[in-house]
Every structure is written in C-alpha cells, then in structure tokens.
PDB file of N, CA and C in Angstrom:
ATOM      1  N   MET A   1     -27.438  35.219  34.988  1.00  0.00           N
ATOM      2  CA  MET A   1     -27.125  34.554  35.621  1.00  0.00           C
ATOM      3  C   MET A   1     -26.486  35.429  36.933  1.00  0.00           C
ATOM      4  N   LYS A   2     -26.533  34.885  37.872  1.00  0.00           N
ATOM      5  CA  LYS A   2     -26.087  35.667  39.091  1.00  0.00           C
ATOM      6  C   LYS A   2     -25.659  34.719  40.200  1.00  0.00           C
ATOM      7  N   ILE A   3     -24.737  35.200  40.941  1.00  0.00           N
ATOM      8  CA  ILE A   3     -23.795  34.333  41.508  1.00  0.00           C
ATOM      9  C   ILE A   3     -23.826  34.708  42.664  1.00  0.00           C
ATOM     10  N   THR A   4     -23.803  34.687  43.633  1.00  0.00           N
ATOM     11  CA  THR A   4     -23.436  34.833  45.081  1.00  0.00           C
ATOM     12  C   THR A   4     -23.123  33.770  46.484  1.00  0.00           C
ATOM     13  N   LEU A   5     -22.234  34.359  47.220  1.00  0.00           N
ATOM     14  CA  LEU A   5     -21.703  33.616  48.397  1.00  0.00           C
ATOM     15  C   LEU A   5     -22.236  34.042  49.373  1.00  0.00           C
ATOM     16  N   ASN A   6     -22.178  32.921  50.314  1.00  0.00           N
ATOM     17  CA  ASN A   6     -22.511  33.224  51.670  1.00  0.00           C
ATOM     18  C   ASN A   6     -21.345  32.657  52.291  1.00  0.00           C
ATOM     19  N   ILE A   7     -21.060  33.779  53.226  1.00  0.00           N
ATOM     20  CA  ILE A   7     -20.084  33.970  53.866  1.00  0.00           C
ATOM     21  C   ILE A   7     -19.662  34.688  55.355  1.00  0.00           C
ATOM     22  N   THR A   8     -19.730  33.368  56.452  1.00  0.00           N
ATOM     23  CA  THR A   8     -19.823  34.339  58.043  1.00  0.00           C
ATOM     24  C   THR A   8     -18.311  34.725  57.749  1.00  0.00           C
ATOM     25  N   ARG A   9     -18.249  35.791  58.578  1.00  0.00           N
ATOM     26  CA  ARG A   9     -17.096  37.055  58.890  1.00  0.00           C
ATOM     27  C   ARG A   9     -16.728  36.580  60.104  1.00  0.00           C
ATOM     28  N   PRO A  10     -15.245  36.634  60.419  1.00  0.00           N
ATOM     29  CA  PRO A  10     -15.102  36.379  61.924  1.00  0.00           C
ATOM     30  C   PRO A  10     -15.681  36.905  63.098  1.00  0.00           C
ATOM     31  N   ASN A  11     -16.054  37.938  62.845  1.00  0.00           N
ATOM     32  CA  ASN A  11     -17.310  38.764  63.951  1.00  0.00           C
ATOM     33  C   ASN A  11     -18.590  38.100  63.881  1.00  0.00           C
ATOM     34  N   GLY A  12     -18.568  36.555  63.189  1.00  0.00           N
ATOM     35  CA  GLY A  12     -20.162  36.104  63.470  1.00  0.00           C
ATOM     36  C   GLY A  12     -20.846  36.557  62.598  1.00  0.00           C
ATOM     37  N   GLU A  13     -20.827  37.792  61.622  1.00  0.00           N
ATOM     38  CA  GLU A  13     -22.034  38.335  60.790  1.00  0.00           C
ATOM     39  C   GLU A  13     -21.908  37.839  59.512  1.00  0.00           C
ATOM     40  N   THR A  14     -22.859  37.350  59.172  1.00  0.00           N
ATOM     41  CA  THR A  14     -23.378  36.248  57.945  1.00  0.00           C
ATOM     42  C   THR A  14     -23.407  37.377  56.509  1.00  0.00           C
ATOM     43  N   GLU A  15     -22.554  37.425  55.780  1.00  0.00           N
ATOM     44  CA  GLU A  15     -22.555  38.216  54.380  1.00  0.00           C
ATOM     45  C   GLU A  15     -23.256  37.867  53.112  1.00  0.00           C
ATOM     46  N   ILE A  16     -23.616  38.095  52.481  1.00  0.00           N
ATOM     47  CA  ILE A  16     -24.230  37.975  50.984  1.00  0.00           C
ATOM     48  C   ILE A  16     -23.366  38.616  50.077  1.00  0.00           C
ATOM     49  N   LEU A  17     -22.297  37.727  49.171  1.00  0.00           N
ATOM     50  CA  LEU A  17     -21.509  38.830  48.455  1.00  0.00           C
ATOM     51  C   LEU A  17     -22.098  38.139  46.787  1.00  0.00           C
ATOM     52  N   ASN A  18     -22.039  39.017  45.914  1.00  0.00           N
ATOM     53  CA  ASN A  18     -22.435  38.875  45.138  1.00  0.00           C
ATOM     54  C   ASN A  18     -21.287  38.993  43.947  1.00  0.00           C
ATOM     55  N   VAL A  19     -20.947  37.816  43.394  1.00  0.00           N
ATOM     56  CA  VAL A  19     -19.442  37.385  42.761  1.00  0.00           C
ATOM     57  C   VAL A  19     -19.561  37.150  41.248  1.00  0.00           C
ATOM     58  N   THR A  20     -20.921  37.452  40.557  1.00  0.00           N
ATOM     59  CA  THR A  20     -21.266  37.533  38.872  1.00  0.00           C
ATOM     60  C   THR A  20     -20.406  38.060  38.235  1.00  0.00           C
ATOM     61  N   GLU A  21     -19.731  39.374  38.288  1.00  0.00           N
ATOM     62  CA  GLU A  21     -19.186  40.369  37.631  1.00  0.00           C
ATOM     63  C   GLU A  21     -17.340  39.527  37.830  1.00  0.00           C
ATOM     64  N   LYS A  22     -17.480  39.245  39.247  1.00  0.00           N
ATOM     65  CA  LYS A  22     -15.331  38.449  38.803  1.00  0.00           C
ATOM     66  C   LYS A  22     -15.130  37.253  38.643  1.00  0.00           C
ATOM     67  N   PHE A  23     -16.526  36.657  38.318  1.00  0.00           N
ATOM     68  CA  PHE A  23     -16.596  35.292  38.550  1.00  0.00           C
ATOM     69  C   PHE A  23     -16.896  34.787  36.864  1.00  0.00           C
ATOM     70  N   GLY A  24     -18.299  34.907  36.656  1.00  0.00           N
ATOM     71  CA  GLY A  24     -19.019  34.714  35.343  1.00  0.00           C
ATOM     72  C   GLY A  24     -19.537  33.262  35.202  1.00  0.00           C
ATOM     73  N   HIS A  25     -18.934  32.522  36.388  1.00  0.00           N
ATOM     74  CA  HIS A  25     -19.432  31.022  36.341  1.00  0.00           C
ATOM     75  C   HIS A  25     -19.177  30.379  37.307  1.00  0.00           C
ATOM     76  N   MET A  26     -19.586  29.356  37.930  1.00  0.00           N
ATOM     77  CA  MET A  26     -18.852  28.548  39.419  1.00  0.00           C
ATOM     78  C   MET A  26     -19.015  27.486  38.844  1.00  0.00           C
ATOM     79  N   ASN A  27     -17.804  26.330  39.339  1.00  0.00           N
ATOM     80  CA  ASN A  27     -18.372  24.818  39.530  1.00  0.00           C
ATOM     81  C   ASN A  27     -17.747  25.039  41.170  1.00  0.00           C
ATOM     82  N   GLN A  28     -18.086  23.546  41.657  1.00  0.00           N
ATOM     83  CA  GLN A  28     -17.155  22.821  42.720  1.00  0.00           C
ATOM     84  C   GLN A  28     -16.018  23.124  42.571  1.00  0.00           C
ATOM     85  N   SER A  29     -15.143  23.086  41.688  1.00  0.00           N
ATOM     86  CA  SER A  29     -13.736  23.702  41.984  1.00  0.00           C
ATOM     87  C   SER A  29     -13.377  24.632  42.684  1.00  0.00           C
ATOM     88  N   ILE A  30     -13.977  26.074  41.440  1.00  0.00           N
ATOM     89  CA  ILE A  30     -13.946  27.396  41.622  1.00  0.00           C
ATOM     90  C   ILE A  30     -14.457  27.577  43.025  1.00  0.00           C
ATOM     91  N   PHE A  31     -15.421  26.968  43.740  1.00  0.00           N
ATOM     92  CA  PHE A  31     -16.072  27.185  44.742  1.00  0.00           C
ATOM     93  C   PHE A  31     -14.977  26.349  46.049  1.00  0.00           C
ATOM     94  N   ASN A  32     -14.706  25.779  45.836  1.00  0.00           N
ATOM     95  CA  ASN A  32     -13.577  25.079  46.679  1.00  0.00           C
ATOM     96  C   ASN A  32     -11.982  26.346  46.768  1.00  0.00           C
ATOM     97  N   LYS A  33     -11.758  26.420  46.126  1.00  0.00           N
ATOM     98  CA  LYS A  33     -10.567  27.369  45.798  1.00  0.00           C
ATOM     99  C   LYS A  33     -11.174  28.913  46.796  1.00  0.00           C
ATOM    100  N   ILE A  34     -12.407  29.149  46.316  1.00  0.00           N
ATOM    101  CA  ILE A  34     -12.421  30.529  46.809  1.00  0.00           C
ATOM    102  C   ILE A  34     -12.771  30.454  48.400  1.00  0.00           C
ATOM    103  N   LYS A  35     -13.385  28.694  48.946  1.00  0.00           N
ATOM    104  CA  LYS A  35     -13.597  28.429  50.204  1.00  0.00           C
ATOM    105  C   LYS A  35     -12.094  28.554  50.961  1.00  0.00           C
ATOM    106  N   GLU A  36     -11.108  28.046  50.501  1.00  0.00           N
ATOM    107  CA  GLU A  36      -9.799  28.092  51.389  1.00  0.00           C
ATOM    108  C   GLU A  36      -9.271  29.249  50.800  1.00  0.00           C
ATOM    109  N   SER A  37      -9.155  29.862  50.343  1.00  0.00           N
ATOM    110  CA  SER A  37      -8.270  31.061  50.082  1.00  0.00           C
ATOM    111  C   SER A  37      -9.114  32.168  50.993  1.00  0.00           C
ATOM    112  N   THR A  38     -10.194  32.163  51.120  1.00  0.00           N
ATOM    113  CA  THR A  38     -10.799  32.930  52.407  1.00  0.00           C
ATOM    114  C   THR A  38     -11.037  32.496  53.416  1.00  0.00           C
ATOM    115  N   LYS A  39     -10.434  31.285  53.978  1.00  0.00           N
ATOM    116  CA  LYS A  39     -10.211  31.088  55.454  1.00  0.00           C
ATOM    117  C   LYS A  39      -9.122  31.035  55.398  1.00  0.00           C
ATOM    118  N   ASN A  40      -7.642  30.703  54.817  1.00  0.00           N
ATOM    119  CA  ASN A  40      -6.602  31.090  54.947  1.00  0.00           C
ATOM    120  C   ASN A  40      -6.477  32.330  55.212  1.00  0.00           C
ATOM    121  N   ALA A  41      -6.803  33.396  54.299  1.00  0.00           N
ATOM    122  CA  ALA A  41      -6.905  34.803  54.806  1.00  0.00           C
ATOM    123  C   ALA A  41      -7.217  35.547  55.599  1.00  0.00           C
ATOM    124  N   GLY A  42      -8.286  34.474  56.765  1.00  0.00           N
ATOM    125  CA  GLY A  42      -8.483  35.147  58.181  1.00  0.00           C
ATOM    126  C   GLY A  42      -9.547  35.919  57.462  1.00  0.00           C
ATOM    127  N   LYS A  43     -10.377  35.749  56.825  1.00  0.00           N
ATOM    128  CA  LYS A  43     -11.463  36.642  56.293  1.00  0.00           C
ATOM    129  C   LYS A  43     -12.886  36.031  56.439  1.00  0.00           C
ATOM    130  N   GLY A  44     -13.552  34.670  56.944  1.00  0.00           N
ATOM    131  CA  GLY A  44     -14.219  34.450  57.276  1.00  0.00           C
ATOM    132  C   GLY A  44     -14.283  32.921  56.950  1.00  0.00           C
ATOM    133  N   ILE A  45     -15.534  32.124  56.767  1.00  0.00           N
ATOM    134  CA  ILE A  45     -15.619  30.628  55.890  1.00  0.00           C
ATOM    135  C   ILE A  45     -16.674  30.849  55.143  1.00  0.00           C
ATOM    136  N   VAL A  46     -16.738  30.488  53.890  1.00  0.00           N
ATOM    137  CA  VAL A  46     -17.714  30.459  52.753  1.00  0.00           C
ATOM    138  C   VAL A  46     -18.357  29.438  53.309  1.00  0.00           C
ATOM    139  N   ASN A  47     -19.772  29.470  52.880  1.00  0.00           N
ATOM    140  CA  ASN A  47     -20.622  28.241  53.682  1.00  0.00           C
ATOM    141  C   ASN A  47     -21.306  27.477  52.306  1.00  0.00           C
ATOM    142  N   SER A  48     -21.575  28.641  51.220  1.00  0.00           N
ATOM    143  CA  SER A  48     -22.358  28.029  50.179  1.00  0.00           C
ATOM    144  C   SER A  48     -22.199  29.177  48.943  1.00  0.00           C
ATOM    145  N   ALA A  49     -22.342  28.586  47.618  1.00  0.00           N
ATOM    146  CA  ALA A  49     -22.388  29.402  46.621  1.00  0.00           C
ATOM    147  C   ALA A  49     -24.089  29.528  45.817  1.00  0.00           C
ATOM    148  N   GLU A  50     -24.642  30.149  45.787  1.00  0.00           N
ATOM    149  CA  GLU A  50     -25.830  30.193  44.993  1.00  0.00           C
ATOM    150  C   GLU A  50     -25.985  30.945  43.520  1.00  0.00           C
ATOM    151  N   ILE A  51     -25.968  29.547  42.828  1.00  0.00           N
ATOM    152  CA  ILE A  51     -26.071  30.060  41.251  1.00  0.00           C
ATOM    153  C   ILE A  51     -27.806  30.078  40.248  1.00  0.00           C
ATOM    154  N   LYS A  52     -28.245  31.218  40.309  1.00  0.00           N
ATOM    155  CA  LYS A  52     -29.230  31.456  39.809  1.00  0.00           C
ATOM    156  C   LYS A  52     -29.519  31.649  38.072  1.00  0.00           C
ATOM    157  N   LYS A  53     -29.961  31.133  37.457  1.00  0.00           N
ATOM    158  CA  LYS A  53     -29.899  30.946  36.005  1.00  0.00           C
ATOM    159  C   LYS A  53     -31.206  30.656  35.312  1.00  0.00           C
ATOM    160  N   GLU A  54     -31.515  31.948  34.303  1.00  0.00           N
ATOM    161  CA  GLU A  54     -32.794  32.087  33.700  1.00  0.00           C
ATOM    162  C   GLU A  54     -32.467  31.198  32.370  1.00  0.00           C
ATOM    163  N   LYS A  55     -33.888  30.432  32.639  1.00  0.00           N
ATOM    164  CA  LYS A  55     -33.334  29.296  31.443  1.00  0.00           C
ATOM    165  C   LYS A  55     -35.497  29.456  30.569  1.00  0.00           C
ATOM    166  N   THR A  56     -34.946  29.452  29.431  1.00  0.00           N
ATOM    167  CA  THR A  56     -36.076  29.583  28.173  1.00  0.00           C
ATOM    168  C   THR A  56     -36.210  28.166  27.674  1.00  0.00           C
ATOM    169  N   ASN A  57     -37.631  27.869  27.182  1.00  0.00           N
ATOM    170  CA  ASN A  57     -37.684  26.729  26.261  1.00  0.00           C
ATOM    171  C   ASN A  57     -37.754  27.444  24.769  1.00  0.00           C
ATOM    172  N   ILE A  58     -36.883  27.982  24.202  1.00  0.00           N
ATOM    173  CA  ILE A  58     -36.752  29.021  22.959  1.00  0.00           C
ATOM    174  C   ILE A  58     -36.784  27.416  22.033  1.00  0.00           C
ATOM    175  N   ASN A  59     -35.339  26.751  22.437  1.00  0.00           N
ATOM    176  CA  ASN A  59     -34.503  25.466  21.642  1.00  0.00           C
ATOM    177  C   ASN A  59     -35.798  25.041  21.492  1.00  0.00           C
ATOM    178  N   GLN A  60     -36.892  24.152  22.319  1.00  0.00           N
ATOM    179  CA  GLN A  60     -37.975  23.049  22.097  1.00  0.00           C
ATOM    180  C   GLN A  60     -38.449  23.697  21.081  1.00  0.00           C
ATOM    181  N   LEU A  61     -39.217  24.852  21.020  1.00  0.00           N
ATOM    182  CA  LEU A  61     -39.764  25.250  20.079  1.00  0.00           C
ATOM    183  C   LEU A  61     -40.052  25.158  18.719  1.00  0.00           C
ATOM    184  N   VAL A  62     -38.478  25.987  18.694  1.00  0.00           N
ATOM    185  CA  VAL A  62     -38.140  25.645  17.487  1.00  0.00           C
ATOM    186  C   VAL A  62     -37.603  24.699  16.638  1.00  0.00           C
ATOM    187  N   ARG A  63     -37.072  23.384  17.344  1.00  0.00           N
ATOM    188  CA  ARG A  63     -37.249  22.284  17.337  1.00  0.00           C
ATOM    189  C   ARG A  63     -38.751  21.334  16.752  1.00  0.00           C
ATOM    190  N   GLU A  64     -39.588  22.097  17.551  1.00  0.00           N
ATOM    191  CA  GLU A  64     -41.030  21.595  17.215  1.00  0.00           C
ATOM    192  C   GLU A  64     -41.625  22.139  16.274  1.00  0.00           C
ATOM    193  N   TYR A  65     -41.015  23.528  15.490  1.00  0.00           N
ATOM    194  CA  TYR A  65     -41.702  24.077  14.563  1.00  0.00           C
ATOM    195  C   TYR A  65     -40.692  23.479  13.330  1.00  0.00           C
ATOM    196  N   ASN A  66     -39.474  23.223  13.089  1.00  0.00           N
ATOM    197  CA  ASN A  66     -39.262  22.550  12.010  1.00  0.00           C
ATOM    198  C   ASN A  66     -39.347  21.012  12.033  1.00  0.00           C
ATOM    199  N   ASN A  67     -39.908  20.251  12.768  1.00  0.00           N
ATOM    200  CA  ASN A  67     -40.704  19.208  12.760  1.00  0.00           C
ATOM    201  C   ASN A  67     -42.006  19.512  12.253  1.00  0.00           C
ATOM    202  N   LEU A  68     -42.646  20.263  12.306  1.00  0.00           N
ATOM    203  CA  LEU A  68     -44.237  20.528  11.777  1.00  0.00           C
ATOM    204  C   LEU A  68     -43.915  21.194  11.031  1.00  0.00           C
ATOM    205  N   HIS A  69     -43.500  21.704  10.226  1.00  0.00           N
ATOM    206  CA  HIS A  69     -43.459  22.255   9.143  1.00  0.00           C
ATOM    207  C   HIS A  69     -42.030  21.733   8.279  1.00  0.00           C
ATOM    208  N   ASN A  70     -41.380  20.727   8.613  1.00  0.00           N
ATOM    209  CA  ASN A  70     -40.321  19.915   7.798  1.00  0.00           C
ATOM    210  C   ASN A  70     -39.346  20.746   7.340  1.00  0.00           C
ATOM    211  N   GLU A  71     -38.800  21.423   8.066  1.00  0.00           N
ATOM    212  CA  GLU A  71     -37.819  22.270   7.713  1.00  0.00           C
ATOM    213  C   GLU A  71     -36.216  21.911   8.196  1.00  0.00           C
ATOM    214  N   GLY A  72     -35.789  21.649   7.381  1.00  0.00           N
ATOM    215  CA  GLY A  72     -34.345  21.235   8.017  1.00  0.00           C
ATOM    216  C   GLY A  72     -33.183  22.323   8.302  1.00  0.00           C
ATOM    217  N   ALA A  73     -31.906  22.444   7.828  1.00  0.00           N
ATOM    218  CA  ALA A  73     -31.082  23.562   8.597  1.00  0.00           C
ATOM    219  C   ALA A  73     -31.169  24.266   7.752  1.00  0.00           C
ATOM    220  N   GLU A  74     -31.668  24.363   6.812  1.00  0.00           N
ATOM    221  CA  GLU A  74     -31.570  25.427   5.719  1.00  0.00           C
ATOM    222  C   GLU A  74     -33.072  26.244   5.048  1.00  0.00           C
ATOM    223  N   GLY A  75     -33.969  25.598   5.890  1.00  0.00           N
ATOM    224  CA  GLY A  75     -35.667  25.850   5.622  1.00  0.00           C
ATOM    225  C   GLY A  75     -35.604  27.133   6.485  1.00  0.00           C
ATOM    226  N   TYR A  76     -37.037  28.180   6.325  1.00  0.00           N
ATOM    227  CA  TYR A  76     -37.315  29.189   7.131  1.00  0.00           C
ATOM    228  C   TYR A  76     -37.513  28.656   8.585  1.00  0.00           C
ATOM    229  N   VAL A  77     -36.650  29.752   9.455  1.00  0.00           N
ATOM    230  CA  VAL A  77     -37.432  29.422  10.698  1.00  0.00           C
ATOM    231  C   VAL A  77     -37.136  30.699  11.432  1.00  0.00           C
ATOM    232  N   PRO A  78     -38.528  31.581  11.797  1.00  0.00           N
ATOM    233  CA  PRO A  78     -38.132  32.746  12.752  1.00  0.00           C
ATOM    234  C   PRO A  78     -37.023  32.829  13.714  1.00  0.00           C
ATOM    235  N   ASP A  79     -36.512  34.002  13.462  1.00  0.00           N
ATOM    236  CA  ASP A  79     -35.383  33.858  14.709  1.00  0.00           C
ATOM    237  C   ASP A  79     -35.605  34.887  15.389  1.00  0.00           C
ATOM    238  N   ALA A  80     -36.527  35.996  14.810  1.00  0.00           N
ATOM    239  CA  ALA A  80     -36.744  37.022  16.396  1.00  0.00           C
ATOM    240  C   ALA A  80     -37.220  36.282  17.390  1.00  0.00           C
ATOM    241  N   ILE A  81     -36.213  36.914  18.317  1.00  0.00           N
ATOM    242  CA  ILE A  81     -36.709  36.461  19.558  1.00  0.00           C
ATOM    243  C   ILE A  81     -38.007  36.554  20.152  1.00  0.00           C
ATOM    244  N   GLU A  82     -38.761  37.819  19.686  1.00  0.00           N
ATOM    245  CA  GLU A  82     -39.938  38.595  20.044  1.00  0.00           C
ATOM    246  C   GLU A  82     -41.193  37.148  19.991  1.00  0.00           C
ATOM    247  N   TYR A  83     -40.888  36.609  18.216  1.00  0.00           N
ATOM    248  CA  TYR A  83     -41.608  35.844  17.853  1.00  0.00           C
ATOM    249  C   TYR A  83     -41.779  34.615  18.895  1.00  0.00           C
ATOM    250  N   TRP A  84     -40.916  34.316  19.480  1.00  0.00           N
ATOM    251  CA  TRP A  84     -40.764  32.950  20.441  1.00  0.00           C
ATOM    252  C   TRP A  84     -41.308  33.425  21.476  1.00  0.00           C
ATOM    253  N   LYS A  85     -41.526  34.752  22.058  1.00  0.00           N
ATOM    254  CA  LYS A  85     -41.806  35.142  23.025  1.00  0.00           C
ATOM    255  C   LYS A  85     -43.583  35.007  23.170  1.00  0.00           C
ATOM    256  N   ALA A  86     -43.661  35.446  22.155  1.00  0.00           N
ATOM    257  CA  ALA A  86     -45.003  35.448  21.952  1.00  0.00           C
ATOM    258  C   ALA A  86     -45.869  34.000  21.693  1.00  0.00           C
ATOM    259  N   HIS A  87     -45.147  32.975  21.369  1.00  0.00           N
ATOM    260  CA  HIS A  87     -45.451  31.883  21.229  1.00  0.00           C
ATOM    261  C   HIS A  87     -46.721  31.153  22.229  1.00  0.00           C
ATOM    262  N   LYS A  88     -47.624  30.900  22.149  1.00  0.00           N
ATOM    263  CA  LYS A  88     -48.688  30.652  23.238  1.00  0.00           C
ATOM    264  C   LYS A  88     -47.760  29.476  24.317  1.00  0.00           C
ATOM    265  N   ASN A  89     -47.042  28.617  23.935  1.00  0.00           N
ATOM    266  CA  ASN A  89     -45.743  27.783  24.266  1.00  0.00           C
ATOM    267  C   ASN A  89     -44.843  28.168  25.274  1.00  0.00           C
ATOM    268  N   TYR A  90     -44.627  29.474  24.995  1.00  0.00           N
ATOM    269  CA  TYR A  90     -43.005  29.747  25.568  1.00  0.00           C
ATOM    270  C   TYR A  90     -43.411  29.738  27.159  1.00  0.00           C
ATOM    271  N   LYS A  91     -42.474  29.592  27.865  1.00  0.00           N
ATOM    272  CA  LYS A  91     -42.066  29.265  29.165  1.00  0.00           C
ATOM    273  C   LYS A  91     -40.269  29.962  29.734  1.00  0.00           C
ATOM    274  N   GLU A  92     -40.978  30.864  30.536  1.00  0.00           N
ATOM    275  CA  GLU A  92     -39.414  31.408  31.244  1.00  0.00           C
ATOM    276  C   GLU A  92     -39.068  30.611  32.471  1.00  0.00           C
ATOM    277  N   TRP A  93     -38.609  30.547  33.463  1.00  0.00           N
ATOM    278  CA  TRP A  93     -37.996  30.347  34.449  1.00  0.00           C
ATOM    279  C   TRP A  93     -36.789  30.119  35.298  1.00  0.00           C
ATOM    280  N   GLU A  94     -37.060  30.370  36.650  1.00  0.00           N
ATOM    281  CA  GLU A  94     -35.152  30.566  37.111  1.00  0.00           C
ATOM    282  C   GLU A  94     -34.623  28.951  37.485  1.00  0.00           C
ATOM    283  N   GLU A  95     -33.290  28.846  37.473  1.00  0.00           N
ATOM    284  CA  GLU A  95     -32.559  27.269  37.726  1.00  0.00           C
ATOM    285  C   GLU A  95     -32.005  27.744  38.806  1.00  0.00           C
ATOM    286  N   THR A  96     -32.121  27.665  39.862  1.00  0.00           N
ATOM    287  CA  THR A  96     -31.070  27.573  41.455  1.00  0.00           C
ATOM    288  C   THR A  96     -30.188  26.568  41.768  1.00  0.00           C
ATOM    289  N   THR A  97     -29.335  26.629  41.651  1.00  0.00           N
ATOM    290  CA  THR A  97     -28.089  25.611  41.813  1.00  0.00           C
ATOM    291  C   THR A  97     -27.370  26.065  43.589  1.00  0.00           C
ATOM    292  N   ILE A  98     -27.200  25.039  44.276  1.00  0.00           N
ATOM    293  CA  ILE A  98     -26.445  25.145  45.724  1.00  0.00           C
ATOM    294  C   ILE A  98     -25.165  24.507  45.604  1.00  0.00           C
ATOM    295  N   ILE A  99     -24.324  25.163  45.663  1.00  0.00           N
ATOM    296  CA  ILE A  99     -22.749  24.594  45.983  1.00  0.00           C
ATOM    297  C   ILE A  99     -22.579  24.878  47.152  1.00  0.00           C
ATOM    298  N   LYS A 100     -21.969  23.548  48.231  1.00  0.00           N
ATOM    299  CA  LYS A 100     -21.817  23.795  49.161  1.00  0.00           C
ATOM    300  C   LYS A 100     -20.285  22.893  49.507  1.00  0.00           C
TER     301      LYS A 100
END
C-alpha cells in the first residue's frame, strides 16, 4: 500500500508527500484531521489523499480449488504463494482510492 497527500503550500507550490510509513492506512476521518491540522499550522492546504493497494485473486482461487476438489477446512490446499502465482487464472492489479 502507498499513501500520498497532495498539498498546496502557502507559496503556491504543489507538493506530493508520501505518508505511508507515518500513517499506515487512511480514511476520511484521518484525512480530515490532517487537512485541518495542516491548515491551522499555516503549512498549506491538503487537497487530496491517494491510496494505492495491490490486490490479487488468490482467495478466490483457493475457494475454487476447495469446491472443485471437495476439500473442507481440514483438506489439503496448496499454501505456497508461488503455486497460486503460477496458476493460469492468477491476477494482480492495483486499486486506487482518492479521498478529498
């Protein structure tokens, strides 16, 4: 996951700031607090937050495997990530969310 803030500084410059390590996650409430604090400190205006998450369909593939082989919770399911990444139906994508 990567979280960046788009900030317009008092001198008019726009800055893209990576805050992933500092916050770890972002929602509307946290964004509103950051926006208010930045404005009150006179450090600019926070325009938006962009959250990029890497997604895969591994859970779906495991469910399909269980259904196909009639495996329950105690049945054998390959747990090595490499097995699923090599699967012909494996997919990865990046999901982007913008908070304003």
